[in-house]
Amino acid sequence: MSDNKQTVSRKLPIWVLAPIEEREARLNLKKFAYDECREYVKEMVDCSKVNGLRVFPTCNPQKKKMADCLLFYQTDSKYLDAERDKIVEKKIEIYEQQLKNSKEKLPKTP
C-alpha cells in the first residue's frame, strides 16, 4: 500500500448552510411572513379576543385570509432563498474580515 495519501479538504463550500443556519433562515422567513401579513394576523387576533370560545366558527374568514397570506410567503421558495442568501453574505463578510485580520498579523518584509 502506498503512504502517499492525498489530503482532501473536508470543508464545505461557503454557500452550504449548516443545519443551525438553515433553521435560522427558516425562522427569519417566519418573522418576515408575519411582518408582511401583520394586518391579517391583527384581524384574526382581534376577532379571537371578541369571540372567545366561538373563535373558530366565527373567525374562519379572518383565519383563512391570514393562513393564505402566511402560506404565500412560506411556500414560495424565492423568499426562503433570499433568507439563505442573507446568511451566506454574512458568512462571506466574516471570512473576509478574518482574512484581512490574518494578513495584518503577518510580519512585514522589508
PDB file of N, CA and C in Angstrom:
ATOM      1  N   MET A   1       0.841  -1.183   0.000  1.00  0.00           N
ATOM      2  CA  MET A   1       0.000   0.000   0.000  1.00  0.00           C
ATOM      3  C   MET A   1       0.879   1.237   0.000  1.00  0.00           C
ATOM      4  N   SER A   2       0.392   2.230  -0.599  1.00  0.00           N
ATOM      5  CA  SER A   2       1.146   3.469  -0.697  1.00  0.00           C
ATOM      6  C   SER A   2       0.830   4.385   0.473  1.00  0.00           C
ATOM      7  N   ASP A   3       1.871   5.045   0.972  1.00  0.00           N
ATOM      8  CA  ASP A   3       1.679   6.008   2.051  1.00  0.00           C
ATOM      9  C   ASP A   3       1.412   7.411   1.523  1.00  0.00           C
ATOM     10  N   ASN A   4       1.375   7.558   0.220  1.00  0.00           N
ATOM     11  CA  ASN A   4       1.129   8.866  -0.384  1.00  0.00           C
ATOM     12  C   ASN A   4      -0.372   9.130  -0.441  1.00  0.00           C
ATOM     13  N   LYS A   5      -0.893   9.538   0.652  1.00  0.00           N
ATOM     14  CA  LYS A   5      -2.324   9.844   0.707  1.00  0.00           C
ATOM     15  C   LYS A   5      -2.524  11.305   0.360  1.00  0.00           C
ATOM     16  N   GLN A   6      -3.480  11.525  -0.495  1.00  0.00           N
ATOM     17  CA  GLN A   6      -3.781  12.909  -0.841  1.00  0.00           C
ATOM     18  C   GLN A   6      -4.605  13.521   0.275  1.00  0.00           C
ATOM     19  N   THR A   7      -4.270  14.745   0.592  1.00  0.00           N
ATOM     20  CA  THR A   7      -5.072  15.436   1.592  1.00  0.00           C
ATOM     21  C   THR A   7      -6.225  16.120   0.878  1.00  0.00           C
ATOM     22  N   VAL A   8      -7.381  15.802   1.316  1.00  0.00           N
ATOM     23  CA  VAL A   8      -8.584  16.361   0.718  1.00  0.00           C
ATOM     24  C   VAL A   8      -9.221  17.291   1.735  1.00  0.00           C
ATOM     25  N   SER A   9      -9.561  18.458   1.263  1.00  0.00           N
ATOM     26  CA  SER A   9     -10.207  19.416   2.155  1.00  0.00           C
ATOM     27  C   SER A   9     -11.600  18.916   2.505  1.00  0.00           C
ATOM     28  N   ARG A  10     -11.894  18.902   3.770  1.00  0.00           N
ATOM     29  CA  ARG A  10     -13.198  18.439   4.230  1.00  0.00           C
ATOM     30  C   ARG A  10     -14.167  19.596   4.441  1.00  0.00           C
ATOM     31  N   LYS A  11     -13.711  20.804   4.164  1.00  0.00           N
ATOM     32  CA  LYS A  11     -14.581  21.956   4.356  1.00  0.00           C
ATOM     33  C   LYS A  11     -15.620  22.010   3.248  1.00  0.00           C
ATOM     34  N   LEU A  12     -16.796  22.350   3.630  1.00  0.00           N
ATOM     35  CA  LEU A  12     -17.867  22.514   2.657  1.00  0.00           C
ATOM     36  C   LEU A  12     -17.772  23.893   2.025  1.00  0.00           C
ATOM     37  N   PRO A  13     -18.323  24.043   0.834  1.00  0.00           N
ATOM     38  CA  PRO A  13     -18.356  25.380   0.230  1.00  0.00           C
ATOM     39  C   PRO A  13     -19.118  26.349   1.128  1.00  0.00           C
ATOM     40  N   ILE A  14     -18.780  27.615   0.996  1.00  0.00           N
ATOM     41  CA  ILE A  14     -19.360  28.630   1.880  1.00  0.00           C
ATOM     42  C   ILE A  14     -20.877  28.732   1.720  1.00  0.00           C
ATOM     43  N   TRP A  15     -21.385  28.395   0.535  1.00  0.00           N
ATOM     44  CA  TRP A  15     -22.815  28.540   0.294  1.00  0.00           C
ATOM     45  C   TRP A  15     -23.635  27.387   0.858  1.00  0.00           C
ATOM     46  N   VAL A  16     -22.975  26.362   1.377  1.00  0.00           N
ATOM     47  CA  VAL A  16     -23.700  25.257   2.008  1.00  0.00           C
ATOM     48  C   VAL A  16     -23.980  25.649   3.453  1.00  0.00           C
ATOM     49  N   LEU A  17     -25.246  25.613   3.822  1.00  0.00           N
ATOM     50  CA  LEU A  17     -25.626  26.016   5.173  1.00  0.00           C
ATOM     51  C   LEU A  17     -25.627  24.823   6.114  1.00  0.00           C
ATOM     52  N   ALA A  18     -25.146  25.058   7.298  1.00  0.00           N
ATOM     53  CA  ALA A  18     -25.216  24.055   8.355  1.00  0.00           C
ATOM     54  C   ALA A  18     -26.668  23.967   8.829  1.00  0.00           C
ATOM     55  N   PRO A  19     -27.047  22.882   9.479  1.00  0.00           N
ATOM     56  CA  PRO A  19     -28.433  22.764   9.949  1.00  0.00           C
ATOM     57  C   PRO A  19     -28.883  23.936  10.816  1.00  0.00           C
ATOM     58  N   ILE A  20     -27.998  24.442  11.653  1.00  0.00           N
ATOM     59  CA  ILE A  20     -28.387  25.561  12.517  1.00  0.00           C
ATOM     60  C   ILE A  20     -28.620  26.826  11.683  1.00  0.00           C
ATOM     61  N   GLU A  21     -27.846  26.984  10.607  1.00  0.00           N
ATOM     62  CA  GLU A  21     -28.041  28.139   9.724  1.00  0.00           C
ATOM     63  C   GLU A  21     -29.325  28.001   8.916  1.00  0.00           C
ATOM     64  N   GLU A  22     -29.635  26.786   8.506  1.00  0.00           N
ATOM     65  CA  GLU A  22     -30.893  26.537   7.796  1.00  0.00           C
ATOM     66  C   GLU A  22     -32.076  26.855   8.708  1.00  0.00           C
ATOM     67  N   ARG A  23     -31.962  26.460   9.959  1.00  0.00           N
ATOM     68  CA  ARG A  23     -33.018  26.763  10.938  1.00  0.00           C
ATOM     69  C   ARG A  23     -33.166  28.276  11.112  1.00  0.00           C
ATOM     70  N   GLU A  24     -32.038  28.973  11.176  1.00  0.00           N
ATOM     71  CA  GLU A  24     -32.065  30.428  11.301  1.00  0.00           C
ATOM     72  C   GLU A  24     -32.756  31.065  10.090  1.00  0.00           C
ATOM     73  N   ALA A  25     -32.472  30.550   8.898  1.00  0.00           N
ATOM     74  CA  ALA A  25     -33.106  31.078   7.682  1.00  0.00           C
ATOM     75  C   ALA A  25     -34.615  30.878   7.733  1.00  0.00           C
ATOM     76  N   ARG A  26     -35.045  29.711   8.198  1.00  0.00           N
ATOM     77  CA  ARG A  26     -36.488  29.441   8.281  1.00  0.00           C
ATOM     78  C   ARG A  26     -37.167  30.301   9.353  1.00  0.00           C
ATOM     79  N   LEU A  27     -36.486  30.516  10.467  1.00  0.00           N
ATOM     80  CA  LEU A  27     -37.044  31.401  11.499  1.00  0.00           C
ATOM     81  C   LEU A  27     -37.138  32.840  10.989  1.00  0.00           C
ATOM     82  N   ASN A  28     -36.114  33.273  10.254  1.00  0.00           N
ATOM     83  CA  ASN A  28     -36.150  34.611   9.670  1.00  0.00           C
ATOM     84  C   ASN A  28     -37.286  34.738   8.664  1.00  0.00           C
ATOM     85  N   LEU A  29     -37.522  33.672   7.895  1.00  0.00           N
ATOM     86  CA  LEU A  29     -38.630  33.679   6.937  1.00  0.00           C
ATOM     87  C   LEU A  29     -39.965  33.773   7.662  1.00  0.00           C
ATOM     88  N   LYS A  30     -40.088  33.059   8.768  1.00  0.00           N
ATOM     89  CA  LYS A  30     -41.329  33.105   9.544  1.00  0.00           C
ATOM     90  C   LYS A  30     -41.589  34.519  10.049  1.00  0.00           C
ATOM     91  N   LYS A  31     -40.552  35.163  10.580  1.00  0.00           N
ATOM     92  CA  LYS A  31     -40.698  36.546  11.048  1.00  0.00           C
ATOM     93  C   LYS A  31     -41.072  37.465   9.894  1.00  0.00           C
ATOM     94  N   PHE A  32     -40.423  37.273   8.752  1.00  0.00           N
ATOM     95  CA  PHE A  32     -40.706  38.085   7.572  1.00  0.00           C
ATOM     96  C   PHE A  32     -42.160  37.910   7.135  1.00  0.00           C
ATOM     97  N   ALA A  33     -42.632  36.661   7.098  1.00  0.00           N
ATOM     98  CA  ALA A  33     -44.008  36.388   6.677  1.00  0.00           C
ATOM     99  C   ALA A  33     -45.008  37.033   7.631  1.00  0.00           C
ATOM    100  N   TYR A  34     -44.762  36.932   8.928  1.00  0.00           N
ATOM    101  CA  TYR A  34     -45.675  37.554   9.892  1.00  0.00           C
ATOM    102  C   TYR A  34     -45.646  39.075   9.782  1.00  0.00           C
ATOM    103  N   ASP A  35     -44.491  39.646   9.477  1.00  0.00           N
ATOM    104  CA  ASP A  35     -44.423  41.098   9.270  1.00  0.00           C
ATOM    105  C   ASP A  35     -45.218  41.510   8.038  1.00  0.00           C
ATOM    106  N   GLU A  36     -45.100  40.726   6.967  1.00  0.00           N
ATOM    107  CA  GLU A  36     -45.812  41.045   5.730  1.00  0.00           C
ATOM    108  C   GLU A  36     -47.324  40.855   5.880  1.00  0.00           C
ATOM    109  N   CYS A  37     -47.737  39.945   6.746  1.00  0.00           N
ATOM    110  CA  CYS A  37     -49.160  39.619   6.916  1.00  0.00           C
ATOM    111  C   CYS A  37     -49.730  40.185   8.206  1.00  0.00           C
ATOM    112  N   ARG A  38     -49.084  41.175   8.782  1.00  0.00           N
ATOM    113  CA  ARG A  38     -49.487  41.663  10.103  1.00  0.00           C
ATOM    114  C   ARG A  38     -50.928  42.153  10.149  1.00  0.00           C
ATOM    115  N   GLU A  39     -51.449  42.723   9.054  1.00  0.00           N
ATOM    116  CA  GLU A  39     -52.833  43.204   9.095  1.00  0.00           C
ATOM    117  C   GLU A  39     -53.813  42.039   9.217  1.00  0.00           C
ATOM    118  N   TYR A  40     -53.530  40.917   8.522  1.00  0.00           N
ATOM    119  CA  TYR A  40     -54.407  39.747   8.618  1.00  0.00           C
ATOM    120  C   TYR A  40     -54.275  39.065   9.979  1.00  0.00           C
ATOM    121  N   VAL A  41     -53.057  39.033  10.494  1.00  0.00           N
ATOM    122  CA  VAL A  41     -52.831  38.460  11.825  1.00  0.00           C
ATOM    123  C   VAL A  41     -53.563  39.290  12.872  1.00  0.00           C
ATOM    124  N   LYS A  42     -53.496  40.610  12.738  1.00  0.00           N
ATOM    125  CA  LYS A  42     -54.176  41.503  13.686  1.00  0.00           C
ATOM    126  C   LYS A  42     -55.689  41.303  13.627  1.00  0.00           C
ATOM    127  N   GLU A  43     -56.241  41.171  12.417  1.00  0.00           N
ATOM    128  CA  GLU A  43     -57.681  40.920  12.285  1.00  0.00           C
ATOM    129  C   GLU A  43     -58.073  39.629  12.987  1.00  0.00           C
ATOM    130  N   MET A  44     -57.254  38.586  12.826  1.00  0.00           N
ATOM    131  CA  MET A  44     -57.544  37.303  13.470  1.00  0.00           C
ATOM    132  C   MET A  44     -57.458  37.426  14.990  1.00  0.00           C
ATOM    133  N   VAL A  45     -56.453  38.115  15.486  1.00  0.00           N
ATOM    134  CA  VAL A  45     -56.292  38.303  16.931  1.00  0.00           C
ATOM    135  C   VAL A  45     -57.468  39.088  17.495  1.00  0.00           C
ATOM    136  N   ASP A  46     -57.842  40.166  16.813  1.00  0.00           N
ATOM    137  CA  ASP A  46     -58.970  40.978  17.276  1.00  0.00           C
ATOM    138  C   ASP A  46     -60.260  40.169  17.296  1.00  0.00           C
ATOM    139  N   CYS A  47     -60.481  39.380  16.253  1.00  0.00           N
ATOM    140  CA  CYS A  47     -61.685  38.546  16.192  1.00  0.00           C
ATOM    141  C   CYS A  47     -61.688  37.520  17.323  1.00  0.00           C
ATOM    142  N   SER A  48     -60.528  36.922  17.597  1.00  0.00           N
ATOM    143  CA  SER A  48     -60.475  35.910  18.658  1.00  0.00           C
ATOM    144  C   SER A  48     -60.696  36.525  20.035  1.00  0.00           C
ATOM    145  N   LYS A  49     -60.246  37.760  20.222  1.00  0.00           N
ATOM    146  CA  LYS A  49     -60.471  38.429  21.506  1.00  0.00           C
ATOM    147  C   LYS A  49     -61.951  38.717  21.719  1.00  0.00           C
ATOM    148  N   VAL A  50     -62.632  39.089  20.665  1.00  0.00           N
ATOM    149  CA  VAL A  50     -64.051  39.431  20.758  1.00  0.00           C
ATOM    150  C   VAL A  50     -64.912  38.182  20.947  1.00  0.00           C
ATOM    151  N   ASN A  51     -64.550  37.086  20.271  1.00  0.00           N
ATOM    152  CA  ASN A  51     -65.420  35.911  20.241  1.00  0.00           C
ATOM    153  C   ASN A  51     -65.069  34.805  21.221  1.00  0.00           C
ATOM    154  N   GLY A  52     -63.941  34.865  21.861  1.00  0.00           N
ATOM    155  CA  GLY A  52     -63.594  33.871  22.882  1.00  0.00           C
ATOM    156  C   GLY A  52     -63.645  32.448  22.375  1.00  0.00           C
ATOM    157  N   LEU A  53     -64.479  31.613  22.998  1.00  0.00           N
ATOM    158  CA  LEU A  53     -64.564  30.196  22.647  1.00  0.00           C
ATOM    159  C   LEU A  53     -65.207  29.954  21.286  1.00  0.00           C
ATOM    160  N   ARG A  54     -65.943  30.914  20.790  1.00  0.00           N
ATOM    161  CA  ARG A  54     -66.584  30.761  19.478  1.00  0.00           C
ATOM    162  C   ARG A  54     -65.661  31.231  18.349  1.00  0.00           C
ATOM    163  N   VAL A  55     -64.377  31.264  18.614  1.00  0.00           N
ATOM    164  CA  VAL A  55     -63.413  31.821  17.668  1.00  0.00           C
ATOM    165  C   VAL A  55     -63.408  31.084  16.326  1.00  0.00           C
ATOM    166  N   PHE A  56     -63.437  29.755  16.342  1.00  0.00           N
ATOM    167  CA  PHE A  56     -63.273  29.038  15.082  1.00  0.00           C
ATOM    168  C   PHE A  56     -64.473  29.121  14.153  1.00  0.00           C
ATOM    169  N   PRO A  57     -65.661  28.948  14.591  1.00  0.00           N
ATOM    170  CA  PRO A  57     -66.722  29.115  13.586  1.00  0.00           C
ATOM    171  C   PRO A  57     -66.894  30.573  13.167  1.00  0.00           C
ATOM    172  N   THR A  58     -66.680  31.491  14.092  1.00  0.00           N
ATOM    173  CA  THR A  58     -66.933  32.902  13.815  1.00  0.00           C
ATOM    174  C   THR A  58     -65.804  33.547  13.020  1.00  0.00           C
ATOM    175  N   CYS A  59     -64.577  33.189  13.316  1.00  0.00           N
ATOM    176  CA  CYS A  59     -63.416  33.868  12.727  1.00  0.00           C
ATOM    177  C   CYS A  59     -62.804  33.113  11.548  1.00  0.00           C
ATOM    178  N   ASN A  60     -63.525  32.176  10.974  1.00  0.00           N
ATOM    179  CA  ASN A  60     -62.977  31.415   9.852  1.00  0.00           C
ATOM    180  C   ASN A  60     -62.556  32.283   8.668  1.00  0.00           C
ATOM    181  N   PRO A  61     -63.317  33.325   8.305  1.00  0.00           N
ATOM    182  CA  PRO A  61     -62.852  34.164   7.180  1.00  0.00           C
ATOM    183  C   PRO A  61     -61.508  34.844   7.476  1.00  0.00           C
ATOM    184  N   GLN A  62     -61.356  35.365   8.689  1.00  0.00           N
ATOM    185  CA  GLN A  62     -60.095  36.008   9.058  1.00  0.00           C
ATOM    186  C   GLN A  62     -58.954  34.982   9.113  1.00  0.00           C
ATOM    187  N   LYS A  63     -59.281  33.799   9.624  1.00  0.00           N
ATOM    188  CA  LYS A  63     -58.284  32.732   9.717  1.00  0.00           C
ATOM    189  C   LYS A  63     -57.813  32.323   8.323  1.00  0.00           C
ATOM    190  N   LYS A  64     -58.749  32.216   7.393  1.00  0.00           N
ATOM    191  CA  LYS A  64     -58.397  31.828   6.020  1.00  0.00           C
ATOM    192  C   LYS A  64     -57.514  32.886   5.365  1.00  0.00           C
ATOM    193  N   LYS A  65     -57.860  34.164   5.526  1.00  0.00           N
ATOM    194  CA  LYS A  65     -57.040  35.238   4.942  1.00  0.00           C
ATOM    195  C   LYS A  65     -55.630  35.211   5.518  1.00  0.00           C
ATOM    196  N   MET A  66     -55.543  35.039   6.835  1.00  0.00           N
ATOM    197  CA  MET A  66     -54.240  35.005   7.496  1.00  0.00           C
ATOM    198  C   MET A  66     -53.423  33.809   6.998  1.00  0.00           C
ATOM    199  N   ALA A  67     -54.037  32.641   6.951  1.00  0.00           N
ATOM    200  CA  ALA A  67     -53.335  31.429   6.523  1.00  0.00           C
ATOM    201  C   ALA A  67     -52.885  31.537   5.069  1.00  0.00           C
ATOM    202  N   ASP A  68     -53.748  32.069   4.210  1.00  0.00           N
ATOM    203  CA  ASP A  68     -53.380  32.225   2.799  1.00  0.00           C
ATOM    204  C   ASP A  68     -52.177  33.146   2.643  1.00  0.00           C
ATOM    205  N   CYS A  69     -52.189  34.235   3.381  1.00  0.00           N
ATOM    206  CA  CYS A  69     -51.079  35.188   3.309  1.00  0.00           C
ATOM    207  C   CYS A  69     -49.784  34.550   3.809  1.00  0.00           C
ATOM    208  N   LEU A  70     -49.836  33.905   4.965  1.00  0.00           N
ATOM    209  CA  LEU A  70     -48.632  33.288   5.528  1.00  0.00           C
ATOM    210  C   LEU A  70     -48.092  32.184   4.619  1.00  0.00           C
ATOM    211  N   LEU A  71     -48.992  31.359   4.083  1.00  0.00           N
ATOM    212  CA  LEU A  71     -48.555  30.274   3.206  1.00  0.00           C
ATOM    213  C   LEU A  71     -47.949  30.798   1.913  1.00  0.00           C
ATOM    214  N   PHE A  72     -48.442  31.933   1.438  1.00  0.00           N
ATOM    215  CA  PHE A  72     -47.880  32.527   0.229  1.00  0.00           C
ATOM    216  C   PHE A  72     -46.387  32.774   0.409  1.00  0.00           C
ATOM    217  N   TYR A  73     -46.013  33.366   1.521  1.00  0.00           N
ATOM    218  CA  TYR A  73     -44.605  33.677   1.768  1.00  0.00           C
ATOM    219  C   TYR A  73     -43.799  32.449   2.171  1.00  0.00           C
ATOM    220  N   GLN A  74     -44.419  31.523   2.890  1.00  0.00           N
ATOM    221  CA  GLN A  74     -43.668  30.383   3.403  1.00  0.00           C
ATOM    222  C   GLN A  74     -43.522  29.251   2.395  1.00  0.00           C
ATOM    223  N   THR A  75     -44.324  29.234   1.338  1.00  0.00           N
ATOM    224  CA  THR A  75     -44.217  28.157   0.360  1.00  0.00           C
ATOM    225  C   THR A  75     -43.494  28.574  -0.913  1.00  0.00           C
ATOM    226  N   ASP A  76     -43.366  29.863  -1.161  1.00  0.00           N
ATOM    227  CA  ASP A  76     -42.644  30.336  -2.342  1.00  0.00           C
ATOM    228  C   ASP A  76     -41.146  30.289  -2.035  1.00  0.00           C
ATOM    229  N   SER A  77     -40.414  29.481  -2.770  1.00  0.00           N
ATOM    230  CA  SER A  77     -39.002  29.240  -2.450  1.00  0.00           C
ATOM    231  C   SER A  77     -38.124  30.479  -2.596  1.00  0.00           C
ATOM    232  N   LYS A  78     -38.571  31.474  -3.361  1.00  0.00           N
ATOM    233  CA  LYS A  78     -37.703  32.648  -3.535  1.00  0.00           C
ATOM    234  C   LYS A  78     -37.509  33.410  -2.226  1.00  0.00           C
ATOM    235  N   TYR A  79     -38.501  33.362  -1.341  1.00  0.00           N
ATOM    236  CA  TYR A  79     -38.369  34.065  -0.060  1.00  0.00           C
ATOM    237  C   TYR A  79     -37.404  33.331   0.870  1.00  0.00           C
ATOM    238  N   LEU A  80     -37.474  32.006   0.887  1.00  0.00           N
ATOM    239  CA  LEU A  80     -36.527  31.229   1.697  1.00  0.00           C
ATOM    240  C   LEU A  80     -35.117  31.371   1.129  1.00  0.00           C
ATOM    241  N   ASP A  81     -35.006  31.361  -0.194  1.00  0.00           N
ATOM    242  CA  ASP A  81     -33.693  31.547  -0.816  1.00  0.00           C
ATOM    243  C   ASP A  81     -33.102  32.904  -0.468  1.00  0.00           C
ATOM    244  N   ALA A  82     -33.937  33.927  -0.396  1.00  0.00           N
ATOM    245  CA  ALA A  82     -33.456  35.265  -0.029  1.00  0.00           C
ATOM    246  C   ALA A  82     -32.904  35.264   1.393  1.00  0.00           C
ATOM    247  N   GLU A  83     -33.574  34.567   2.301  1.00  0.00           N
ATOM    248  CA  GLU A  83     -33.089  34.484   3.684  1.00  0.00           C
ATOM    249  C   GLU A  83     -31.782  33.690   3.753  1.00  0.00           C
ATOM    250  N   ARG A  84     -31.686  32.633   2.949  1.00  0.00           N
ATOM    251  CA  ARG A  84     -30.439  31.865   2.902  1.00  0.00           C
ATOM    252  C   ARG A  84     -29.301  32.734   2.362  1.00  0.00           C
ATOM    253  N   ASP A  85     -29.609  33.519   1.328  1.00  0.00           N
ATOM    254  CA  ASP A  85     -28.594  34.402   0.744  1.00  0.00           C
ATOM    255  C   ASP A  85     -28.066  35.397   1.767  1.00  0.00           C
ATOM    256  N   LYS A  86     -28.945  35.898   2.616  1.00  0.00           N
ATOM    257  CA  LYS A  86     -28.512  36.841   3.652  1.00  0.00           C
ATOM    258  C   LYS A  86     -27.505  36.184   4.595  1.00  0.00           C
ATOM    259  N   ILE A  87     -27.747  34.932   4.937  1.00  0.00           N
ATOM    260  CA  ILE A  87     -26.837  34.214   5.834  1.00  0.00           C
ATOM    261  C   ILE A  87     -25.496  33.960   5.143  1.00  0.00           C
ATOM    262  N   VAL A  88     -25.535  33.581   3.862  1.00  0.00           N
ATOM    263  CA  VAL A  88     -24.299  33.350   3.115  1.00  0.00           C
ATOM    264  C   VAL A  88     -23.497  34.646   3.005  1.00  0.00           C
ATOM    265  N   GLU A  89     -24.182  35.757   2.739  1.00  0.00           N
ATOM    266  CA  GLU A  89     -23.493  37.049   2.658  1.00  0.00           C
ATOM    267  C   GLU A  89     -22.834  37.409   3.989  1.00  0.00           C
ATOM    268  N   LYS A  90     -23.533  37.100   5.083  1.00  0.00           N
ATOM    269  CA  LYS A  90     -22.968  37.357   6.407  1.00  0.00           C
ATOM    270  C   LYS A  90     -21.715  36.498   6.627  1.00  0.00           C
ATOM    271  N   LYS A  91     -21.772  35.228   6.196  1.00  0.00           N
ATOM    272  CA  LYS A  91     -20.618  34.344   6.332  1.00  0.00           C
ATOM    273  C   LYS A  91     -19.439  34.854   5.508  1.00  0.00           C
ATOM    274  N   ILE A  92     -19.715  35.333   4.302  1.00  0.00           N
ATOM    275  CA  ILE A  92     -18.655  35.860   3.444  1.00  0.00           C
ATOM    276  C   ILE A  92     -17.991  37.065   4.103  1.00  0.00           C
ATOM    277  N   GLU A  93     -18.800  37.950   4.665  1.00  0.00           N
ATOM    278  CA  GLU A  93     -18.250  39.124   5.356  1.00  0.00           C
ATOM    279  C   GLU A  93     -17.346  38.708   6.518  1.00  0.00           C
ATOM    280  N   ILE A  94     -17.767  37.701   7.268  1.00  0.00           N
ATOM    281  CA  ILE A  94     -16.970  37.219   8.402  1.00  0.00           C
ATOM    282  C   ILE A  94     -15.640  36.653   7.906  1.00  0.00           C
ATOM    283  N   TYR A  95     -15.682  35.828   6.849  1.00  0.00           N
ATOM    284  CA  TYR A  95     -14.454  35.242   6.316  1.00  0.00           C
ATOM    285  C   TYR A  95     -13.525  36.308   5.739  1.00  0.00           C
ATOM    286  N   GLU A  96     -14.099  37.305   5.074  1.00  0.00           N
ATOM    287  CA  GLU A  96     -13.271  38.391   4.539  1.00  0.00           C
ATOM    288  C   GLU A  96     -12.590  39.160   5.667  1.00  0.00           C
ATOM    289  N   GLN A  97     -13.315  39.394   6.749  1.00  0.00           N
ATOM    290  CA  GLN A  97     -12.733  40.091   7.897  1.00  0.00           C
ATOM    291  C   GLN A  97     -11.630  39.251   8.537  1.00  0.00           C
ATOM    292  N   GLN A  98     -11.859  37.934   8.655  1.00  0.00           N
ATOM    293  CA  GLN A  98     -10.836  37.053   9.211  1.00  0.00           C
ATOM    294  C   GLN A  98      -9.582  37.049   8.338  1.00  0.00           C
ATOM    295  N   LEU A  99      -9.774  37.039   7.025  1.00  0.00           N
ATOM    296  CA  LEU A  99      -8.642  37.060   6.105  1.00  0.00           C
ATOM    297  C   LEU A  99      -7.872  38.369   6.235  1.00  0.00           C
ATOM    298  N   LYS A 100      -8.596  39.461   6.313  1.00  0.00           N
ATOM    299  CA  LYS A 100      -7.963  40.771   6.473  1.00  0.00           C
ATOM    300  C   LYS A 100      -7.165  40.824   7.777  1.00  0.00           C
ATOM    301  N   ASN A 101      -7.754  40.319   8.856  1.00  0.00           N
ATOM    302  CA  ASN A 101      -7.071  40.316  10.154  1.00  0.00           C
ATOM    303  C   ASN A 101      -5.823  39.438  10.132  1.00  0.00           C
ATOM    304  N   SER A 102      -5.912  38.291   9.469  1.00  0.00           N
ATOM    305  CA  SER A 102      -4.747  37.400   9.419  1.00  0.00           C
ATOM    306  C   SER A 102      -3.629  38.008   8.577  1.00  0.00           C
ATOM    307  N   LYS A 103      -3.976  38.745   7.534  1.00  0.00           N
ATOM    308  CA  LYS A 103      -2.951  39.409   6.718  1.00  0.00           C
ATOM    309  C   LYS A 103      -2.275  40.531   7.494  1.00  0.00           C
ATOM    310  N   GLU A 104      -3.029  41.209   8.342  1.00  0.00           N
ATOM    311  CA  GLU A 104      -2.463  42.288   9.148  1.00  0.00           C
ATOM    312  C   GLU A 104      -1.490  41.753  10.193  1.00  0.00           C
ATOM    313  N   LYS A 105      -1.707  40.530  10.651  1.00  0.00           N
ATOM    314  CA  LYS A 105      -0.853  39.940  11.679  1.00  0.00           C
ATOM    315  C   LYS A 105       0.459  39.400  11.110  1.00  0.00           C
ATOM    316  N   LEU A 106       0.517  39.193   9.798  1.00  0.00           N
ATOM    317  CA  LEU A 106       1.739  38.671   9.190  1.00  0.00           C
ATOM    318  C   LEU A 106       2.863  39.696   9.320  1.00  0.00           C
ATOM    319  N   PRO A 107       4.075  39.226   9.563  1.00  0.00           N
ATOM    320  CA  PRO A 107       5.196  40.172   9.652  1.00  0.00           C
ATOM    321  C   PRO A 107       5.467  40.787   8.281  1.00  0.00           C
ATOM    322  N   LYS A 108       5.776  42.050   8.304  1.00  0.00           N
ATOM    323  CA  LYS A 108       6.044  42.760   7.055  1.00  0.00           C
ATOM    324  C   LYS A 108       7.498  42.541   6.672  1.00  0.00           C
ATOM    325  N   THR A 109       7.704  42.236   5.411  1.00  0.00           N
ATOM    326  CA  THR A 109       9.063  42.036   4.924  1.00  0.00           C
ATOM    327  C   THR A 109       9.618  43.357   4.410  1.00  0.00           C
ATOM    328  N   PRO A 110      10.883  43.620   4.704  1.00  0.00           N
ATOM    329  CA  PRO A 110      11.476  44.894   4.266  1.00  0.00           C
ATOM    330  C   PRO A 110      11.768  44.931   2.799  1.00  0.00           C
TER     331      PRO A 110
END
